[in-house]
Amino acid sequence: MTPGIRRAEDDRDREEAEHRRIFREAQRAADTIFSHYQLSQLLASHARSESMADAVLDELLHVCDADRGGIWLAQPPDAQLRLVAKAGEEPVPPADALRAGLQADDESWVVIELEEVGILALATTGTKPIDASAGRFLSLVRHELAGALRSAQLRETLELERTELSAIIRNASDAILVFDADRRVTRVNPAAERLFGRGEGALVGERCAGLYACEPVPVLGRCARCPLTRVIEGGEPLDGDERVIVASNGESTSVVASYAPTSTTADGRSRAVVILRDTSELARLAELRRGFLASVSHELRTPIALIKGYVETMLHLDPDPAAARRYLERIDGTTDRLGHLVEQILDATQLAAGQLVLDLDLDEVDLGDLVRETIDQVSVGARAPLPGLEIVGEIPLVGADRARLRQVLENLLANARKYGDNSPISVRLEAAHGMVEIRISDRGIGIPADERELIFEQFHRARNVRERGMPGSGLGLAISRRIVEAHGGTLGFDPDPGAGATAILRLPAASLAHARGLPSLVATGVEA
């Protein structure tokens, strides 16, 4: 072969080698571009960080010709690295070990820091390392990968917060309304719909003037001294606005409103959120407490005046022994009455604080004998006829606290006498279905149907009693029900007594051993 021919062939070989090199580089560049495109598609198609990490890891294993790998992400609240994606049959080393370069001799790991989001680690088995082009590719995409994973984590956090906030607003007992800059409702919760008596979605678009029944100022086109306008225009929150909301059915509700500015629109106009808290129950409780104080003041003042009068009579008039004894007996009865009232007040104080613990001194009690004794006791000196007692069948013994049950019976009989307008009082005992039932009936003023449960609340006294100005503390029935419940029984009133009122006390006809197994009742009442 001549030198010329050899040189021509060498040139041709070099040219073909260069073409192959250019082709391989072009192929690698195309593969890199396609892999980058594939990765971008994966990042765009997965909303959740964990599913995104799984898909990305599979793609990177293929691109980098790796055997195993893992992605760890920093998880809130302590930013602890947690393995969220794994490939390969063998367990992957801990993230801290990979960062420190601790790896097996037969493995070659490449660790890529994904900024503050986490780390990516890929490995090949044996001596074959991940080639340089794959390393360049990983360096190229790590910023995009970190940004996409971080964005997914932020979306998940925002979605979680949005779900939690929506649940709080949806289940809040306070009415919540969001108004735009034109004072139109844009969002409400179910409590607001109940407060205004509107159906779902009916409040959206309503102006505040329509909800509050305000009279707009003709010139300004808005309400005078409107708190919502002050908040929207001034940007400062406002608390403690008391007003009355009239629902679509005409029912009025007292509320305390709080106003706060929220977001601002593109043109600089503010929106506001309004929270309306129903204070009707608080007002009712305050009224009950005022009535209680007035009643207790009267209940205390009267016996104290009686005691004072009897004592002054004995000191200054020197009555004969028979008269002095009568005065002392009346003083004794009056002090018993005072002591009973003080005990009720103490029980009510513990009940209001949620600390009335009834540790029952249980014994076998014959309810027939106990009722007879209580009738005799409350009838001493009474002008009204004795209550009639009817016992139906055989009444079993019950495991109960005799003194506490006597307290309940005394209260029920005293109420029947006080509110019975001197009508006959009847007491009936009967055992049936494992329960002993005691009915105490009168034919007096009765109880309004809508207050048969309310009268068991502390301080509550029925309106017909209040209208007549009849004295009382409004505590006896509340305490009596707690005592009966501590025995595993119930106390209520017949919903259809005919005339007057019929108290129904039911106790389980249980043995003493069974009754001792009942837990002591910790009675909870209204907060003080």
Protein backbone atom coordinates (compact mmCIF):
# COMPACT_ATOMS: atom_id res chain seq x y z
CA MET A 1 0.00 0.00 0.00
CA THR A 2 1.43 3.28 -1.00
CA PRO A 3 1.96 6.02 1.57
CA GLY A 4 -0.68 8.14 -0.12
CA ILE A 5 -3.34 5.47 0.13
CA ARG A 6 -2.43 4.81 3.76
CA ARG A 7 -2.70 8.49 4.61
CA ALA A 8 -6.11 8.64 2.90
CA GLU A 9 -7.38 5.68 4.89
CA ASP A 10 -6.04 7.15 8.14
CA ASP A 11 -7.78 10.42 7.38
CA ARG A 12 -10.98 8.54 6.62
CA ASP A 13 -10.73 6.61 9.94
CA ARG A 14 -10.13 9.80 11.88
CA GLU A 15 -13.09 11.42 10.15
CA GLU A 16 -15.35 8.44 10.94
CA ALA A 17 -14.18 8.44 14.57
CA GLU A 18 -14.91 12.15 14.81
CA HIS A 19 -18.33 11.59 13.29
CA ARG A 20 -19.00 8.83 15.82
CA ARG A 21 -17.83 11.08 18.65
CA ILE A 22 -20.02 13.93 17.45
CA PHE A 23 -22.93 11.52 17.06
CA ARG A 24 -22.43 10.12 20.58
CA GLU A 25 -22.23 13.61 22.07
CA ALA A 26 -25.30 14.64 20.11
CA GLN A 27 -27.05 11.46 21.26
CA ARG A 28 -26.08 12.16 24.88
CA ALA A 29 -27.23 15.75 24.52
CA ALA A 30 -30.51 14.58 23.03
CA ASP A 31 -30.87 11.99 25.79
CA THR A 32 -30.15 14.66 28.38
CA ILE A 33 -32.68 17.04 26.85
CA PHE A 34 -35.27 14.27 26.61
CA SER A 35 -34.57 13.13 30.18
CA HIS A 36 -34.81 16.73 31.35
CA TYR A 37 -38.11 17.02 29.52
CA GLN A 38 -39.33 13.75 31.02
CA LEU A 39 -38.33 14.90 34.47
CA SER A 40 -40.07 18.25 33.99
CA GLN A 41 -43.23 16.42 32.96
CA LEU A 42 -43.04 14.23 36.05
CA LEU A 43 -42.57 17.24 38.30
CA ALA A 44 -45.54 18.97 36.72
CA SER A 45 -47.85 15.96 36.82
CA HIS A 46 -47.55 15.08 40.54
CA ALA A 47 -49.13 17.37 43.11
CA ARG A 48 -48.00 15.47 46.21
CA SER A 49 -44.36 15.42 47.25
CA GLU A 50 -44.19 11.67 48.00
CA SER A 51 -45.71 10.54 44.69
CA MET A 52 -43.47 13.05 42.90
CA ALA A 53 -40.40 11.63 44.67
CA ASP A 54 -41.33 8.07 43.66
CA ALA A 55 -41.72 8.99 39.99
CA VAL A 56 -38.55 11.11 39.93
CA LEU A 57 -36.46 8.38 41.54
CA ASP A 58 -37.58 5.80 38.95
CA GLU A 59 -36.66 8.18 36.12
CA LEU A 60 -33.26 9.05 37.59
CA LEU A 61 -32.38 5.38 38.08
CA HIS A 62 -32.99 4.85 34.36
CA VAL A 63 -31.14 7.95 33.21
CA CYS A 64 -28.12 7.38 35.46
CA ASP A 65 -28.03 3.58 34.99
CA ALA A 66 -28.17 3.14 38.78
CA ASP A 67 -29.30 0.08 40.75
CA ARG A 68 -30.69 1.57 43.94
CA GLY A 69 -31.57 4.90 45.41
CA GLY A 70 -33.61 6.95 47.79
CA ILE A 71 -35.01 10.44 48.36
CA TRP A 72 -35.22 11.93 51.84
CA LEU A 73 -37.27 15.06 52.53
CA ALA A 74 -37.14 17.38 55.53
CA GLN A 75 -40.51 17.07 57.26
CA PRO A 76 -42.08 19.71 59.50
CA PRO A 77 -42.18 20.69 62.28
CA ASP A 78 -38.56 19.74 63.16
CA ALA A 79 -37.24 19.36 59.57
CA GLN A 80 -36.22 15.76 60.31
CA LEU A 81 -35.15 13.86 57.19
CA ARG A 82 -37.57 11.07 56.32
CA LEU A 83 -37.24 8.50 53.53
CA VAL A 84 -40.15 9.15 51.15
CA ALA A 85 -39.02 7.19 48.07
CA LYS A 86 -36.88 4.05 47.75
CA ALA A 87 -35.75 1.83 44.87
CA GLY A 88 -33.98 -1.49 45.06
CA GLU A 89 -34.54 -4.63 47.05
CA GLU A 90 -31.94 -3.98 49.75
CA PRO A 91 -32.46 -1.39 52.52
CA VAL A 92 -30.83 1.95 51.87
CA PRO A 93 -28.36 3.34 54.42
CA PRO A 94 -29.54 6.15 56.74
CA ALA A 95 -29.38 9.65 55.33
CA ASP A 96 -26.81 10.80 57.91
CA ALA A 97 -24.51 7.89 57.02
CA LEU A 98 -24.69 8.70 53.31
CA ARG A 99 -23.94 12.34 54.00
CA ALA A 100 -20.92 11.31 56.06
CA GLY A 101 -19.64 9.05 53.29
CA LEU A 102 -20.25 5.82 55.22
CA GLN A 103 -21.16 3.19 52.64
CA ALA A 104 -20.41 -0.42 51.83
CA ASP A 105 -17.24 -1.36 49.91
CA ASP A 106 -19.22 -2.99 47.11
CA GLU A 107 -21.40 0.07 46.52
CA SER A 108 -20.75 3.43 44.95
CA TRP A 109 -23.17 6.10 46.16
CA VAL A 110 -23.68 9.58 44.75
CA VAL A 111 -25.36 11.98 47.20
CA ILE A 112 -26.99 15.14 45.85
CA GLU A 113 -28.10 17.85 48.30
CA LEU A 114 -31.51 19.20 47.33
CA GLU A 115 -30.85 22.54 49.02
CA GLU A 116 -32.91 22.72 52.25
CA VAL A 117 -35.55 20.27 51.01
CA GLY A 118 -33.64 17.03 51.51
CA ILE A 119 -31.18 14.74 49.73
CA LEU A 120 -31.13 12.39 46.74
CA ALA A 121 -28.83 9.34 46.73
CA LEU A 122 -28.15 6.88 43.86
CA ALA A 123 -25.89 3.84 43.87
CA THR A 124 -24.44 1.20 41.57
CA THR A 125 -23.37 -2.27 42.68
CA GLY A 126 -19.77 -3.33 42.17
CA THR A 127 -16.95 -1.17 40.87
CA LYS A 128 -18.95 0.53 38.10
CA PRO A 129 -19.51 4.13 39.17
CA ILE A 130 -22.16 6.50 37.89
CA ASP A 131 -20.59 8.13 34.84
CA ALA A 132 -19.68 11.78 34.62
CA SER A 133 -22.50 12.72 32.25
CA ALA A 134 -25.06 11.35 34.71
CA GLY A 135 -23.38 13.35 37.48
CA ARG A 136 -23.59 16.50 35.35
CA PHE A 137 -27.25 15.78 34.67
CA LEU A 138 -27.97 15.40 38.39
CA SER A 139 -26.19 18.68 39.11
CA LEU A 140 -28.20 20.33 36.34
CA VAL A 141 -31.62 19.21 37.59
CA ARG A 142 -31.13 19.33 41.35
CA HIS A 143 -32.26 22.96 41.64
CA GLU A 144 -35.37 22.27 39.60
CA LEU A 145 -36.04 19.09 41.56
CA ALA A 146 -35.58 20.85 44.93
CA GLY A 147 -37.88 23.68 43.87
CA ALA A 148 -40.60 21.32 42.67
CA LEU A 149 -40.50 19.19 45.82
CA ARG A 150 -40.50 22.29 48.01
CA SER A 151 -43.48 23.67 46.10
CA ALA A 152 -45.31 20.37 46.56
CA GLN A 153 -44.61 20.43 50.29
CA LEU A 154 -45.87 24.00 50.54
CA ARG A 155 -49.04 23.08 48.63
CA GLU A 156 -49.61 20.17 51.01
CA THR A 157 -49.08 22.42 54.03
CA LEU A 158 -51.43 25.05 52.63
CA GLU A 159 -54.03 22.42 51.80
CA LEU A 160 -53.78 20.99 55.32
CA GLU A 161 -54.12 24.44 56.87
CA ARG A 162 -57.01 25.27 54.55
CA THR A 163 -58.78 22.03 55.48
CA GLU A 164 -58.23 22.62 59.20
CA LEU A 165 -59.35 26.25 58.94
CA SER A 166 -62.44 25.28 56.96
CA ALA A 167 -63.29 22.64 59.58
CA ILE A 168 -62.87 25.19 62.38
CA ILE A 169 -65.06 27.75 60.62
CA ARG A 170 -67.66 25.18 59.59
CA ASN A 171 -68.00 23.74 63.10
CA ALA A 172 -67.60 26.96 65.09
CA SER A 173 -70.51 27.82 67.36
CA ASP A 174 -70.01 31.54 66.67
CA ALA A 175 -71.45 33.03 63.50
CA ILE A 176 -68.68 34.02 61.04
CA LEU A 177 -69.27 36.24 58.00
CA VAL A 178 -66.75 37.61 55.46
CA PHE A 179 -67.59 40.91 53.75
CA ASP A 180 -66.01 42.47 50.67
CA ALA A 181 -65.12 46.15 50.31
CA ASP A 182 -68.73 46.94 49.30
CA ARG A 183 -69.96 45.35 52.54
CA ARG A 184 -71.51 42.37 50.76
CA VAL A 185 -71.31 38.87 52.27
CA THR A 186 -68.91 36.61 50.39
CA ARG A 187 -68.70 33.67 52.80
CA VAL A 188 -70.53 32.42 55.90
CA ASN A 189 -70.48 29.38 58.17
CA PRO A 190 -73.50 27.24 59.17
CA ALA A 191 -73.76 29.01 62.55
CA ALA A 192 -74.36 32.32 60.74
CA GLU A 193 -77.10 30.75 58.61
CA ARG A 194 -78.77 29.44 61.77
CA LEU A 195 -78.45 32.80 63.51
CA PHE A 196 -80.13 34.69 60.66
CA GLY A 197 -82.57 31.87 59.91
CA ARG A 198 -81.46 31.54 56.28
CA GLY A 199 -80.87 28.47 54.14
CA GLU A 200 -77.51 27.39 52.77
CA GLY A 201 -76.02 30.06 50.51
CA ALA A 202 -78.90 32.49 51.07
CA LEU A 203 -76.72 35.03 52.90
CA VAL A 204 -74.06 35.32 50.18
CA GLY A 205 -74.42 38.62 48.34
CA GLU A 206 -76.47 40.23 51.14
CA ARG A 207 -75.41 43.69 52.28
CA CYS A 208 -74.66 44.32 55.95
CA ALA A 209 -77.47 46.89 56.14
CA GLY A 210 -79.99 44.21 55.24
CA LEU A 211 -78.63 41.79 57.80
CA TYR A 212 -78.44 44.33 60.59
CA ALA A 213 -81.68 46.09 59.56
CA CYS A 214 -79.83 49.42 59.52
CA GLU A 215 -81.10 52.70 58.12
CA PRO A 216 -78.55 53.95 55.52
CA VAL A 217 -77.69 57.64 55.41
CA PRO A 218 -79.24 58.91 52.11
CA VAL A 219 -76.22 60.97 51.05
CA LEU A 220 -73.51 58.48 51.99
CA GLY A 221 -75.47 55.37 51.04
CA ARG A 222 -74.24 53.59 54.14
CA CYS A 223 -75.15 53.26 57.82
CA ALA A 224 -74.24 56.01 60.24
CA ARG A 225 -71.43 54.96 62.62
CA CYS A 226 -71.29 51.54 60.92
CA PRO A 227 -68.60 49.45 62.65
CA LEU A 228 -68.01 47.41 59.50
CA THR A 229 -67.33 50.57 57.47
CA ARG A 230 -64.94 51.82 60.15
CA VAL A 231 -62.98 48.56 59.98
CA ILE A 232 -62.90 48.37 56.17
CA GLU A 233 -61.89 51.99 55.72
CA GLY A 234 -59.72 52.38 58.81
CA GLY A 235 -58.07 48.99 58.75
CA GLU A 236 -58.25 48.61 62.54
CA PRO A 237 -60.09 45.77 64.35
CA LEU A 238 -63.09 46.48 66.56
CA ASP A 239 -64.40 44.37 69.44
CA GLY A 240 -67.36 44.43 71.81
CA ASP A 241 -70.09 45.76 69.51
CA GLU A 242 -73.36 44.71 71.16
CA ARG A 243 -76.47 44.44 69.01
CA VAL A 244 -79.62 42.41 68.45
CA ILE A 245 -79.97 40.19 65.38
CA VAL A 246 -83.48 39.58 64.09
CA ALA A 247 -83.76 36.30 62.17
CA SER A 248 -86.04 35.76 59.18
CA ASN A 249 -88.65 34.17 61.48
CA GLY A 250 -88.69 37.25 63.72
CA GLU A 251 -86.70 35.68 66.55
CA SER A 252 -84.30 38.12 68.23
CA THR A 253 -80.84 37.16 69.49
CA SER A 254 -78.44 39.31 71.49
CA VAL A 255 -74.88 39.11 70.17
CA VAL A 256 -71.46 40.64 70.72
CA ALA A 257 -69.66 41.32 67.43
CA SER A 258 -65.94 41.44 66.64
CA TYR A 259 -64.68 42.96 63.37
CA ALA A 260 -61.24 42.55 61.79
CA PRO A 261 -59.78 43.53 58.39
CA THR A 262 -58.52 40.63 56.28
CA SER A 263 -57.11 40.71 52.75
CA THR A 264 -56.81 43.71 50.44
CA THR A 265 -57.94 43.73 46.82
CA ALA A 266 -55.75 44.83 43.90
CA ASP A 267 -57.19 48.36 44.07
CA GLY A 268 -56.29 48.69 47.76
CA ARG A 269 -59.76 48.07 49.19
CA SER A 270 -59.99 45.98 52.35
CA ARG A 271 -62.22 43.06 53.20
CA ALA A 272 -63.41 42.22 56.70
CA VAL A 273 -64.48 39.25 58.80
CA VAL A 274 -67.22 39.53 61.43
CA ILE A 275 -67.67 37.11 64.34
CA LEU A 276 -71.03 37.21 66.14
CA ARG A 277 -71.23 35.49 69.53
CA ASP A 278 -74.66 34.65 70.89
CA THR A 279 -74.91 36.16 74.40
CA SER A 280 -78.55 35.28 75.03
CA GLU A 281 -77.64 32.40 77.34
CA LEU A 282 -75.18 34.59 79.26
CA ALA A 283 -77.85 37.24 79.64
CA ARG A 284 -80.30 34.61 80.86
CA LEU A 285 -77.80 33.27 83.37
CA ALA A 286 -77.05 36.77 84.59
CA GLU A 287 -80.77 37.36 85.08
CA LEU A 288 -81.07 34.03 86.94
CA ARG A 289 -78.19 35.01 89.20
CA ARG A 290 -79.77 38.38 89.94
CA GLY A 291 -83.01 36.61 90.79
CA PHE A 292 -81.11 34.13 92.92
CA LEU A 293 -79.40 36.88 94.89
CA ALA A 294 -82.70 38.66 95.42
CA SER A 295 -84.41 35.42 96.52
CA VAL A 296 -81.58 34.37 98.82
CA SER A 297 -81.44 37.84 100.34
CA HIS A 298 -85.14 37.57 101.12
CA GLU A 299 -84.80 33.99 102.36
CA LEU A 300 -81.98 35.01 104.71
CA ARG A 301 -83.47 38.30 105.85
CA THR A 302 -86.81 36.82 106.94
CA PRO A 303 -85.54 34.12 109.36
CA ILE A 304 -82.87 36.45 110.73
CA ALA A 305 -85.56 39.05 111.46
CA LEU A 306 -87.69 36.38 113.16
CA ILE A 307 -84.79 35.22 115.33
CA LYS A 308 -83.95 38.81 116.18
CA GLY A 309 -87.56 39.53 117.14
CA TYR A 310 -87.91 36.45 119.38
CA VAL A 311 -84.59 37.16 121.11
CA GLU A 312 -85.49 40.80 121.76
CA THR A 313 -88.87 39.74 123.13
CA MET A 314 -87.24 37.33 125.56
CA LEU A 315 -84.62 39.89 126.60
CA HIS A 316 -86.95 42.83 127.19
CA LEU A 317 -90.41 41.44 128.02
CA ASP A 318 -89.48 38.57 130.37
CA PRO A 319 -92.16 36.17 129.05
CA ASP A 320 -93.52 33.31 131.15
CA PRO A 321 -91.78 29.90 130.78
CA ALA A 322 -94.41 28.50 128.40
CA ALA A 323 -94.14 31.50 126.06
CA ALA A 324 -90.35 31.45 126.29
CA ARG A 325 -90.34 27.78 125.29
CA ARG A 326 -92.54 28.54 122.27
CA TYR A 327 -90.13 31.31 121.25
CA LEU A 328 -87.15 28.98 121.62
CA GLU A 329 -88.89 26.28 119.54
CA ARG A 330 -89.54 28.84 116.81
CA ILE A 331 -85.94 30.03 116.98
CA ASP A 332 -84.84 26.41 116.71
CA GLY A 333 -87.05 25.79 113.66
CA THR A 334 -85.90 29.02 112.05
CA THR A 335 -82.22 28.19 112.54
CA ASP A 336 -82.89 24.77 110.96
CA ARG A 337 -84.37 26.61 108.01
CA LEU A 338 -81.29 28.86 107.81
CA GLY A 339 -78.99 25.86 108.05
CA HIS A 340 -80.84 24.11 105.23
CA LEU A 341 -80.52 27.22 103.04
CA VAL A 342 -76.80 27.53 103.78
CA GLU A 343 -76.29 23.86 102.86
CA GLN A 344 -78.09 24.45 99.57
CA ILE A 345 -75.91 27.47 98.81
CA LEU A 346 -72.74 25.50 99.57
CA ASP A 347 -73.88 22.61 97.37
CA ALA A 348 -74.77 25.05 94.60
CA THR A 349 -71.36 26.73 94.85
CA GLN A 350 -69.61 23.38 94.45
CA LEU A 351 -72.01 22.44 91.66
CA ALA A 352 -71.24 25.65 89.73
CA ALA A 353 -67.51 24.94 90.08
CA GLY A 354 -67.97 21.35 88.91
CA GLN A 355 -66.77 20.06 92.28
CA LEU A 356 -69.92 18.64 93.92
CA VAL A 357 -68.80 15.12 94.74
CA LEU A 358 -71.49 12.94 96.29
CA ASP A 359 -69.79 10.23 98.32
CA LEU A 360 -72.88 8.27 99.34
CA ASP A 361 -73.15 6.59 102.75
CA LEU A 362 -75.05 3.57 101.47
CA ASP A 363 -77.34 1.40 103.54
CA GLU A 364 -80.42 -0.77 103.00
CA VAL A 365 -83.34 1.67 103.01
CA ASP A 366 -87.06 0.96 103.31
CA LEU A 367 -88.49 3.70 101.09
CA GLY A 368 -91.96 3.30 102.58
CA ASP A 369 -90.66 4.08 106.08
CA LEU A 370 -88.48 6.90 104.78
CA VAL A 371 -91.41 8.54 102.99
CA ARG A 372 -93.61 8.27 106.09
CA GLU A 373 -90.91 9.85 108.29
CA THR A 374 -90.37 12.68 105.81
CA ILE A 375 -94.12 13.37 105.53
CA ASP A 376 -94.38 13.54 109.33
CA GLN A 377 -91.38 15.85 109.55
CA VAL A 378 -92.48 18.37 106.93
CA SER A 379 -96.05 18.36 108.26
CA VAL A 380 -95.13 19.52 111.77
CA GLY A 381 -96.94 22.80 112.39
CA ALA A 382 -98.44 22.85 108.89
CA ARG A 383 -101.98 24.13 108.44
CA ALA A 384 -102.56 22.20 105.21
CA PRO A 385 -103.80 18.60 105.41
CA LEU A 386 -101.23 15.81 105.61
CA PRO A 387 -100.14 14.36 102.26
CA GLY A 388 -101.94 11.16 101.40
CA LEU A 389 -99.65 8.13 101.07
CA GLU A 390 -100.44 5.15 98.84
CA ILE A 391 -98.13 2.14 98.65
CA VAL A 392 -98.90 -0.25 95.78
CA GLY A 393 -97.69 -3.80 96.31
CA GLU A 394 -94.49 -4.77 98.04
CA ILE A 395 -91.67 -2.24 97.91
CA PRO A 396 -88.18 -3.80 97.98
CA LEU A 397 -85.33 -2.42 100.02
CA VAL A 398 -82.87 -0.30 98.07
CA GLY A 399 -79.18 0.44 98.56
CA ALA A 400 -79.14 4.20 99.14
CA ASP A 401 -77.92 7.11 101.27
CA ARG A 402 -80.82 7.65 103.67
CA ALA A 403 -79.95 11.25 104.57
CA ARG A 404 -79.49 12.32 100.96
CA LEU A 405 -82.78 10.72 99.87
CA ARG A 406 -84.53 12.42 102.79
CA GLN A 407 -83.11 15.73 101.50
CA VAL A 408 -84.66 15.05 98.07
CA LEU A 409 -88.05 14.03 99.50
CA GLU A 410 -88.14 17.05 101.81
CA ASN A 411 -87.51 19.35 98.88
CA LEU A 412 -90.18 17.73 96.68
CA LEU A 413 -92.79 17.75 99.46
CA ALA A 414 -91.94 21.35 100.39
CA ASN A 415 -92.36 22.39 96.74
CA ALA A 416 -95.68 20.56 96.49
CA ARG A 417 -96.91 22.42 99.57
CA LYS A 418 -95.53 25.81 98.51
CA TYR A 419 -96.79 25.75 94.93
CA GLY A 420 -99.86 23.58 95.54
CA ASP A 421 -102.07 26.48 96.71
CA ASN A 422 -103.15 24.42 99.75
CA SER A 423 -104.42 21.67 97.43
CA PRO A 424 -104.28 18.01 98.57
CA ILE A 425 -100.90 16.37 98.12
CA SER A 426 -100.65 12.69 97.26
CA VAL A 427 -97.62 10.39 97.43
CA ARG A 428 -97.61 7.04 95.62
CA LEU A 429 -94.98 4.27 95.82
CA GLU A 430 -94.84 1.41 93.37
CA ALA A 431 -92.21 -1.08 92.21
CA ALA A 432 -92.09 -2.21 88.58
CA HIS A 433 -89.51 -3.32 86.02
CA GLY A 434 -86.65 -3.29 88.50
CA MET A 435 -87.34 0.29 89.60
CA VAL A 436 -89.06 1.86 92.61
CA GLU A 437 -91.15 4.87 91.59
CA ILE A 438 -92.26 7.66 93.93
CA ARG A 439 -94.87 10.12 92.62
CA ILE A 440 -95.57 13.34 94.53
CA SER A 441 -98.59 15.22 93.11
CA ASP A 442 -100.37 18.47 93.85
CA ARG A 443 -103.12 20.44 92.14
CA GLY A 444 -101.52 23.85 92.38
CA ILE A 445 -100.15 26.32 89.84
CA GLY A 446 -98.23 23.67 87.90
CA ILE A 447 -95.17 24.12 85.69
CA PRO A 448 -95.23 25.70 82.19
CA ALA A 449 -94.68 22.93 79.64
CA ASP A 450 -91.62 24.59 78.10
CA GLU A 451 -89.90 24.88 81.51
CA ARG A 452 -90.18 21.33 82.84
CA GLU A 453 -86.50 20.72 82.15
CA LEU A 454 -85.28 24.26 82.75
CA ILE A 455 -86.39 24.18 86.40
CA PHE A 456 -83.64 21.63 87.07
CA GLU A 457 -81.02 24.22 86.16
CA GLN A 458 -79.43 26.23 88.94
CA PHE A 459 -81.19 29.47 89.88
CA HIS A 460 -84.00 28.91 87.37
CA ARG A 461 -87.52 29.53 88.66
CA ALA A 462 -90.61 29.09 86.50
CA ARG A 463 -92.15 32.28 85.18
CA ASN A 464 -95.52 31.70 86.89
CA VAL A 465 -93.66 31.50 90.21
CA ARG A 466 -91.73 34.69 89.48
CA GLU A 467 -94.89 36.50 88.44
CA ARG A 468 -96.51 35.66 91.79
CA GLY A 469 -93.45 36.82 93.71
CA MET A 470 -93.19 33.51 95.57
CA PRO A 471 -89.90 33.15 97.52
CA GLY A 472 -87.34 30.50 96.70
CA SER A 473 -83.68 30.03 95.80
CA GLY A 474 -84.02 27.98 92.58
CA LEU A 475 -81.46 25.48 93.90
CA GLY A 476 -83.41 22.60 95.43
CA LEU A 477 -84.40 20.77 92.25
CA ALA A 478 -80.94 21.14 90.66
CA ILE A 479 -79.28 19.58 93.70
CA SER A 480 -82.01 16.94 94.10
CA ARG A 481 -81.56 15.69 90.55
CA ARG A 482 -77.79 15.32 91.06
CA ILE A 483 -78.42 13.30 94.25
CA VAL A 484 -80.90 10.98 92.49
CA GLU A 485 -78.55 10.52 89.53
CA ALA A 486 -75.76 9.59 91.95
CA HIS A 487 -78.02 6.70 93.06
CA GLY A 488 -78.42 5.58 89.44
CA GLY A 489 -81.97 6.96 89.29
CA THR A 490 -83.91 9.72 87.53
CA LEU A 491 -85.94 12.73 88.64
CA GLY A 492 -88.41 14.57 86.43
CA PHE A 493 -91.97 15.81 86.13
CA ASP A 494 -94.95 14.17 84.46
CA PRO A 495 -95.37 15.89 81.07
CA ASP A 496 -99.16 15.49 81.29
CA PRO A 497 -100.19 15.73 84.95
CA GLY A 498 -103.68 17.09 84.23
CA ALA A 499 -103.66 19.83 86.86
CA GLY A 500 -100.85 20.96 89.12
CA ALA A 501 -97.54 19.12 89.00
CA THR A 502 -96.36 15.55 89.56
CA ALA A 503 -92.72 14.89 90.44
CA ILE A 504 -91.53 11.39 89.48
CA LEU A 505 -88.53 9.93 91.31
CA ARG A 506 -87.26 6.55 90.11
CA LEU A 507 -84.59 4.51 91.87
CA PRO A 508 -83.19 1.12 90.88
CA ALA A 509 -84.40 -1.67 93.14
CA ALA A 510 -80.78 -2.79 93.54
CA SER A 511 -79.10 -4.67 96.32
CA LEU A 512 -76.74 -2.87 98.65
CA ALA A 513 -73.74 -4.62 97.07
CA HIS A 514 -74.81 -3.46 93.62
CA ALA A 515 -75.43 0.08 94.84
CA ARG A 516 -71.95 0.22 96.33
CA GLY A 517 -70.63 -0.51 92.86
CA LEU A 518 -72.10 2.74 91.52
CA PRO A 519 -69.48 5.45 91.03
CA SER A 520 -69.76 8.61 93.12
CA LEU A 521 -71.18 11.36 90.98
CA VAL A 522 -69.11 14.39 90.18
CA ALA A 523 -71.86 16.79 89.24
CA THR A 524 -71.04 19.49 86.75
CA GLY A 525 -73.15 22.58 86.40
CA VAL A 526 -73.02 25.96 84.76
CA GLU A 527 -69.71 27.72 85.02
CA ALA A 528 -69.44 30.29 87.73
